Amino acid sequence: MDMKKVRDLARKENKAQKIKAKGKAKAVKALAANAVDNVLAASDAVSKKGAEVKESIVETVLTAKTDTKAGIKKMAKINQDIATGAGKIIGDIKHTGHDVAERIKRH
C-alpha cells in the first residue's frame, strides 16, 4: 500500500469515529434532556400534591375551628340554661319558704 491509500483509510476511519462520537453525544444529550424533564415533572407533581395536602389541612382546621366555636356557643347556652334553672329553683325555694312562713303566722 502506498502512503496515499493509508492516509485515505486513516481519514475515513477518523471520520467514521467522529460521526459515531457525535451520535453518542446526541444520545447522551437526549437522555440528559429526558432526565431533566422527568425531574421537572416529578417536582411539579410533588408541588401539586403538597398544595392539595395543604388545602386539605387548611379545610380541616377551619372545620375544626367552626366546630369548636359552635361547641363553645352550645356550652355557653347550657351554662345559661343551668343558671336560669338554678335561679328558678332558688326563687321557688324562697317562695315556698314565704308560703310556709305565712302558714306558720296564721296558725
Foldseek 3Di string as FASTA:
>chain_A
DDPVVVVVVVVVVVVVVVVVVVVVVVVVVVVVVVVVVVVVVVVVVVVVVVVVVVVVVVVVVVVVVVVVVVVVVVVVVVVVVVVVVVVVVVVVVVVVVVVVVVVVVVD
